[in-house]
Amino acid sequence: LTIEDPVEFVHQSHQSLVRHRQVGQHTKQF
């Protein structure tokens, strides 16, 4: 799980499940 402001590199899930959250867009604060 990544929490970034903003999201920079975007990863597609391979062996792992990867989810991105951007502060201000998907959550209010870190």
All heavy atoms as atom14 arrays in JSON, in Angstrom:
{
  "sequence": "LTIEDPVEFVHQSHQSLVRHRQVGQHTKQF",
  "atom14_mask": [
    [1, 1, 1, 1, 1, 1, 1, 1, 0, 0, 0, 0, 0, 0],
    [1, 1, 1, 1, 1, 1, 1, 0, 0, 0, 0, 0, 0, 0],
    [1, 1, 1, 1, 1, 1, 1, 1, 0, 0, 0, 0, 0, 0],
    [1, 1, 1, 1, 1, 1, 1, 1, 1, 0, 0, 0, 0, 0],
    [1, 1, 1, 1, 1, 1, 1, 1, 0, 0, 0, 0, 0, 0],
    [1, 1, 1, 1, 1, 1, 1, 0, 0, 0, 0, 0, 0, 0],
    [1, 1, 1, 1, 1, 1, 1, 0, 0, 0, 0, 0, 0, 0],
    [1, 1, 1, 1, 1, 1, 1, 1, 1, 0, 0, 0, 0, 0],
    [1, 1, 1, 1, 1, 1, 1, 1, 1, 1, 1, 0, 0, 0],
    [1, 1, 1, 1, 1, 1, 1, 0, 0, 0, 0, 0, 0, 0],
    [1, 1, 1, 1, 1, 1, 1, 1, 1, 1, 0, 0, 0, 0],
    [1, 1, 1, 1, 1, 1, 1, 1, 1, 0, 0, 0, 0, 0],
    [1, 1, 1, 1, 1, 1, 0, 0, 0, 0, 0, 0, 0, 0],
    [1, 1, 1, 1, 1, 1, 1, 1, 1, 1, 0, 0, 0, 0],
    [1, 1, 1, 1, 1, 1, 1, 1, 1, 0, 0, 0, 0, 0],
    [1, 1, 1, 1, 1, 1, 0, 0, 0, 0, 0, 0, 0, 0],
    [1, 1, 1, 1, 1, 1, 1, 1, 0, 0, 0, 0, 0, 0],
    [1, 1, 1, 1, 1, 1, 1, 0, 0, 0, 0, 0, 0, 0],
    [1, 1, 1, 1, 1, 1, 1, 1, 1, 1, 1, 0, 0, 0],
    [1, 1, 1, 1, 1, 1, 1, 1, 1, 1, 0, 0, 0, 0],
    [1, 1, 1, 1, 1, 1, 1, 1, 1, 1, 1, 0, 0, 0],
    [1, 1, 1, 1, 1, 1, 1, 1, 1, 0, 0, 0, 0, 0],
    [1, 1, 1, 1, 1, 1, 1, 0, 0, 0, 0, 0, 0, 0],
    [1, 1, 1, 1, 0, 0, 0, 0, 0, 0, 0, 0, 0, 0],
    [1, 1, 1, 1, 1, 1, 1, 1, 1, 0, 0, 0, 0, 0],
    [1, 1, 1, 1, 1, 1, 1, 1, 1, 1, 0, 0, 0, 0],
    [1, 1, 1, 1, 1, 1, 1, 0, 0, 0, 0, 0, 0, 0],
    [1, 1, 1, 1, 1, 1, 1, 1, 1, 0, 0, 0, 0, 0],
    [1, 1, 1, 1, 1, 1, 1, 1, 1, 0, 0, 0, 0, 0],
    [1, 1, 1, 1, 1, 1, 1, 1, 1, 1, 1, 0, 0, 0]
  ],
  "atom14_positions": [
    [[0.85, -1.18, 0.0], [0.0, 0.0, 0.0], [0.89, 1.23, 0.0], [1.76, 1.39, 0.86], [-0.89, 0.0, 1.25], [-1.9, 1.13, 1.39], [-2.93, 1.08, 0.27], [-2.59, 1.04, 2.75], [0.0, 0.0, 0.0], [0.0, 0.0, 0.0], [0.0, 0.0, 0.0], [0.0, 0.0, 0.0], [0.0, 0.0, 0.0], [0.0, 0.0, 0.0]],
    [[0.71, 2.13, -0.98], [1.49, 3.36, -1.02], [0.6, 4.55, -0.69], [-0.56, 4.61, -1.12], [2.17, 3.59, -2.4], [1.24, 4.16, -3.32], [2.72, 2.28, -2.96], [0.0, 0.0, 0.0], [0.0, 0.0, 0.0], [0.0, 0.0, 0.0], [0.0, 0.0, 0.0], [0.0, 0.0, 0.0], [0.0, 0.0, 0.0], [0.0, 0.0, 0.0]],
    [[1.15, 5.49, 0.09], [0.44, 6.72, 0.45], [1.36, 7.87, 0.06], [2.42, 8.06, 0.65], [0.14, 6.76, 1.97], [-0.64, 5.5, 2.39], [-0.65, 8.02, 2.32], [-0.72, 5.33, 3.89], [0.0, 0.0, 0.0], [0.0, 0.0, 0.0], [0.0, 0.0, 0.0], [0.0, 0.0, 0.0], [0.0, 0.0, 0.0], [0.0, 0.0, 0.0]],
    [[0.96, 8.62, -0.98], [1.86, 9.61, -1.57], [1.14, 10.92, -1.87], [-0.09, 10.95, -1.97], [2.46, 9.06, -2.87], [3.22, 7.75, -2.71], [3.61, 7.14, -4.04], [4.6, 7.62, -4.62], [2.92, 6.22, -4.5], [0.0, 0.0, 0.0], [0.0, 0.0, 0.0], [0.0, 0.0, 0.0], [0.0, 0.0, 0.0], [0.0, 0.0, 0.0]],
    [[1.91, 11.96, -2.03], [1.35, 13.28, -2.34], [2.3, 14.01, -3.31], [3.17, 14.77, -2.88], [1.18, 14.08, -1.05], [0.55, 15.46, -1.3], [-0.06, 15.64, -2.37], [0.69, 16.34, -0.42], [0.0, 0.0, 0.0], [0.0, 0.0, 0.0], [0.0, 0.0, 0.0], [0.0, 0.0, 0.0], [0.0, 0.0, 0.0], [0.0, 0.0, 0.0]],
    [[2.12, 13.81, -4.63], [1.14, 12.91, -5.27], [1.75, 11.54, -5.52], [2.93, 11.31, -5.25], [0.88, 13.63, -6.6], [2.23, 14.21, -6.93], [2.84, 14.64, -5.62], [0.0, 0.0, 0.0], [0.0, 0.0, 0.0], [0.0, 0.0, 0.0], [0.0, 0.0, 0.0], [0.0, 0.0, 0.0], [0.0, 0.0, 0.0], [0.0, 0.0, 0.0]],
    [[0.93, 10.63, -6.08], [1.45, 9.35, -6.55], [2.44, 9.61, -7.68], [2.15, 10.38, -8.6], [0.31, 8.43, -7.04], [0.86, 7.2, -7.74], [-0.57, 8.02, -5.86], [0.0, 0.0, 0.0], [0.0, 0.0, 0.0], [0.0, 0.0, 0.0], [0.0, 0.0, 0.0], [0.0, 0.0, 0.0], [0.0, 0.0, 0.0], [0.0, 0.0, 0.0]],
    [[3.6, 8.98, -7.6], [4.61, 9.17, -8.65], [4.68, 7.93, -9.54], [3.96, 7.83, -10.52], [5.95, 9.53, -8.01], [5.88, 10.86, -7.26], [7.23, 11.41, -6.88], [8.2, 11.18, -7.63], [7.33, 12.09, -5.85], [0.0, 0.0, 0.0], [0.0, 0.0, 0.0], [0.0, 0.0, 0.0], [0.0, 0.0, 0.0], [0.0, 0.0, 0.0]],
    [[5.52, 6.97, -9.21], [5.58, 5.75, -10.01], [4.35, 4.89, -9.72], [3.98, 4.69, -8.56], [6.84, 4.96, -9.67], [8.1, 5.6, -10.17], [8.79, 6.51, -9.37], [8.61, 5.31, -11.43], [9.96, 7.1, -9.82], [9.77, 5.91, -11.88], [10.45, 6.81, -11.08], [0.0, 0.0, 0.0], [0.0, 0.0, 0.0], [0.0, 0.0, 0.0]],
    [[3.74, 4.38, -10.78], [2.56, 3.52, -10.64], [2.94, 2.09, -10.98], [3.52, 1.82, -12.04], [1.42, 4.01, -11.56], [0.23, 3.06, -11.49], [1.0, 5.42, -11.16], [0.0, 0.0, 0.0], [0.0, 0.0, 0.0], [0.0, 0.0, 0.0], [0.0, 0.0, 0.0], [0.0, 0.0, 0.0], [0.0, 0.0, 0.0], [0.0, 0.0, 0.0]],
    [[2.64, 1.18, -10.08], [3.01, -0.23, -10.22], [1.78, -1.07, -10.53], [0.74, -0.93, -9.88], [3.64, -0.75, -8.93], [4.86, 0.0, -8.49], [6.14, -0.42, -8.77], [4.98, 1.16, -7.79], [7.0, 0.44, -8.26], [6.33, 1.42, -7.66], [0.0, 0.0, 0.0], [0.0, 0.0, 0.0], [0.0, 0.0, 0.0], [0.0, 0.0, 0.0]],
    [[1.9, -1.95, -11.51], [0.88, -2.95, -11.77], [1.16, -4.16, -10.88], [2.31, -4.53, -10.67], [0.89, -3.36, -13.24], [0.6, -2.23, -14.21], [-0.75, -1.58, -13.95], [-1.78, -2.24, -14.0], [-0.74, -0.29, -13.66], [0.0, 0.0, 0.0], [0.0, 0.0, 0.0], [0.0, 0.0, 0.0], [0.0, 0.0, 0.0], [0.0, 0.0, 0.0]],
    [[0.11, -4.76, -10.36], [0.29, -5.92, -9.48], [0.87, -7.1, -10.25], [0.41, -7.42, -11.35], [-1.05, -6.31, -8.86], [-1.56, -5.28, -8.05], [0.0, 0.0, 0.0], [0.0, 0.0, 0.0], [0.0, 0.0, 0.0], [0.0, 0.0, 0.0], [0.0, 0.0, 0.0], [0.0, 0.0, 0.0], [0.0, 0.0, 0.0], [0.0, 0.0, 0.0]],
    [[1.9, -7.73, -9.68], [2.49, -8.95, -10.24], [2.32, -10.06, -9.2], [1.21, -10.52, -9.0], [3.94, -8.7, -10.62], [4.09, -7.75, -11.77], [3.77, -8.07, -13.06], [4.52, -6.46, -11.81], [3.98, -7.04, -13.86], [4.43, -6.04, -13.12], [0.0, 0.0, 0.0], [0.0, 0.0, 0.0], [0.0, 0.0, 0.0], [0.0, 0.0, 0.0]],
    [[3.39, -10.48, -8.55], [3.19, -11.44, -7.46], [2.51, -10.78, -6.27], [1.76, -11.41, -5.53], [4.54, -12.03, -7.02], [5.11, -13.06, -7.98], [6.11, -13.98, -7.3], [5.9, -14.42, -6.16], [7.19, -14.26, -7.99], [0.0, 0.0, 0.0], [0.0, 0.0, 0.0], [0.0, 0.0, 0.0], [0.0, 0.0, 0.0], [0.0, 0.0, 0.0]],
    [[2.76, -9.49, -6.1], [2.13, -8.75, -5.01], [0.89, -8.02, -5.5], [0.73, -7.77, -6.7], [3.11, -7.74, -4.42], [4.17, -8.35, -3.74], [0.0, 0.0, 0.0], [0.0, 0.0, 0.0], [0.0, 0.0, 0.0], [0.0, 0.0, 0.0], [0.0, 0.0, 0.0], [0.0, 0.0, 0.0], [0.0, 0.0, 0.0], [0.0, 0.0, 0.0]],
    [[0.02, -7.67, -4.55], [-1.11, -6.78, -4.8], [-0.66, -5.37, -4.41], [-0.24, -5.14, -3.28], [-2.31, -7.2, -3.96], [-3.49, -6.23, -3.91], [-4.12, -6.07, -5.29], [-4.53, -6.7, -2.88], [0.0, 0.0, 0.0], [0.0, 0.0, 0.0], [0.0, 0.0, 0.0], [0.0, 0.0, 0.0], [0.0, 0.0, 0.0], [0.0, 0.0, 0.0]],
    [[-0.73, -4.43, -5.36], [-0.27, -3.06, -5.11], [-1.44, -2.1, -5.21], [-2.17, -2.11, -6.21], [0.83, -2.64, -6.11], [1.38, -1.27, -5.73], [1.94, -3.67, -6.17], [0.0, 0.0, 0.0], [0.0, 0.0, 0.0], [0.0, 0.0, 0.0], [0.0, 0.0, 0.0], [0.0, 0.0, 0.0], [0.0, 0.0, 0.0], [0.0, 0.0, 0.0]],
    [[-1.61, -1.29, -4.17], [-2.65, -0.26, -4.19], [-2.0, 1.09, -3.89], [-1.18, 1.21, -2.99], [-3.74, -0.54, -3.15], [-4.65, -1.7, -3.52], [-5.93, -1.66, -2.7], [-6.88, -2.67, -3.14], [-7.09, -3.83, -2.52], [-6.4, -4.12, -1.44], [-7.97, -4.69, -2.99], [0.0, 0.0, 0.0], [0.0, 0.0, 0.0], [0.0, 0.0, 0.0]],
    [[-2.41, 2.11, -4.67], [-1.89, 3.46, -4.49], [-2.98, 4.37, -3.93], [-4.13, 4.33, -4.39], [-1.42, 4.04, -5.82], [-0.29, 3.3, -6.44], [1.02, 3.49, -6.08], [-0.26, 2.36, -7.43], [1.8, 2.71, -6.8], [1.05, 2.01, -7.63], [0.0, 0.0, 0.0], [0.0, 0.0, 0.0], [0.0, 0.0, 0.0], [0.0, 0.0, 0.0]],
    [[-2.61, 5.23, -2.98], [-3.53, 6.24, -2.46], [-2.84, 7.6, -2.53], [-1.69, 7.74, -2.1], [-3.94, 5.95, -1.02], [-4.62, 4.6, -0.82], [-5.27, 4.53, 0.54], [-6.46, 5.37, 0.6], [-7.09, 5.7, 1.74], [-6.6, 5.28, 2.9], [-8.17, 6.46, 1.72], [0.0, 0.0, 0.0], [0.0, 0.0, 0.0], [0.0, 0.0, 0.0]],
    [[-3.52, 8.58, -3.1], [-2.96, 9.92, -3.22], [-3.63, 10.85, -2.22], [-4.85, 10.94, -2.17], [-3.15, 10.45, -4.64], [-2.61, 11.87, -4.83], [-2.43, 12.23, -6.29], [-1.84, 11.45, -7.05], [-2.93, 13.39, -6.69], [0.0, 0.0, 0.0], [0.0, 0.0, 0.0], [0.0, 0.0, 0.0], [0.0, 0.0, 0.0], [0.0, 0.0, 0.0]],
    [[-2.8, 11.53, -1.42], [-3.32, 12.47, -0.45], [-4.02, 13.61, -1.18], [-3.51, 14.16, -2.15], [-2.18, 13.02, 0.44], [-2.71, 14.09, 1.39], [-1.53, 11.89, 1.21], [0.0, 0.0, 0.0], [0.0, 0.0, 0.0], [0.0, 0.0, 0.0], [0.0, 0.0, 0.0], [0.0, 0.0, 0.0], [0.0, 0.0, 0.0], [0.0, 0.0, 0.0]],
    [[-5.21, 13.93, -0.72], [-6.01, 14.97, -1.35], [-7.01, 14.43, -2.35], [-8.02, 15.07, -2.61], [0.0, 0.0, 0.0], [0.0, 0.0, 0.0], [0.0, 0.0, 0.0], [0.0, 0.0, 0.0], [0.0, 0.0, 0.0], [0.0, 0.0, 0.0], [0.0, 0.0, 0.0], [0.0, 0.0, 0.0], [0.0, 0.0, 0.0], [0.0, 0.0, 0.0]],
    [[-6.72, 13.25, -2.91], [-7.62, 12.65, -3.89], [-8.29, 11.4, -3.34], [-9.49, 11.21, -3.5], [-6.86, 12.3, -5.17], [-7.75, 11.74, -6.28], [-7.02, 11.62, -7.6], [-6.27, 12.52, -8.0], [-7.2, 10.52, -8.28], [0.0, 0.0, 0.0], [0.0, 0.0, 0.0], [0.0, 0.0, 0.0], [0.0, 0.0, 0.0], [0.0, 0.0, 0.0]],
    [[-7.51, 10.55, -2.67], [-8.06, 9.3, -2.12], [-8.11, 9.32, -0.6], [-8.7, 8.43, 0.0], [-7.22, 8.1, -2.58], [-6.99, 8.06, -4.05], [-5.74, 8.02, -4.62], [-7.87, 8.1, -5.09], [-5.84, 8.01, -5.93], [-7.12, 8.06, -6.24], [0.0, 0.0, 0.0], [0.0, 0.0, 0.0], [0.0, 0.0, 0.0], [0.0, 0.0, 0.0]],
    [[-7.49, 10.29, 0.01], [-7.49, 10.45, 1.47], [-7.16, 11.9, 1.78], [-6.52, 12.59, 0.97], [-6.45, 9.51, 2.13], [-6.51, 9.65, 3.55], [-5.04, 9.83, 1.66], [0.0, 0.0, 0.0], [0.0, 0.0, 0.0], [0.0, 0.0, 0.0], [0.0, 0.0, 0.0], [0.0, 0.0, 0.0], [0.0, 0.0, 0.0], [0.0, 0.0, 0.0]],
    [[-7.59, 12.39, 2.93], [-7.41, 13.81, 3.23], [-6.0, 14.14, 3.69], [-5.48, 15.21, 3.38], [-8.42, 14.25, 4.29], [-9.86, 14.29, 3.77], [-10.81, 14.87, 4.8], [-12.21, 14.98, 4.23], [-13.17, 15.54, 5.23], [0.0, 0.0, 0.0], [0.0, 0.0, 0.0], [0.0, 0.0, 0.0], [0.0, 0.0, 0.0], [0.0, 0.0, 0.0]],
    [[-5.34, 13.24, 4.44], [-4.01, 13.55, 4.92], [-3.23, 12.27, 5.2], [-3.8, 11.19, 5.35], [-4.07, 14.41, 6.18], [-4.93, 13.84, 7.3], [-5.14, 14.84, 8.42], [-4.74, 15.98, 8.32], [-5.75, 14.41, 9.49], [0.0, 0.0, 0.0], [0.0, 0.0, 0.0], [0.0, 0.0, 0.0], [0.0, 0.0, 0.0], [0.0, 0.0, 0.0]],
    [[-1.9, 12.42, 5.25], [-1.01, 11.28, 5.46], [-1.39, 10.51, 6.72], [-1.51, 9.29, 6.71], [0.44, 11.76, 5.58], [1.19, 11.79, 4.29], [1.51, 13.0, 3.69], [1.59, 10.63, 3.66], [2.21, 13.05, 2.5], [2.3, 10.67, 2.47], [2.61, 11.88, 1.89], [0.0, 0.0, 0.0], [0.0, 0.0, 0.0], [0.0, 0.0, 0.0]]
  ]
}
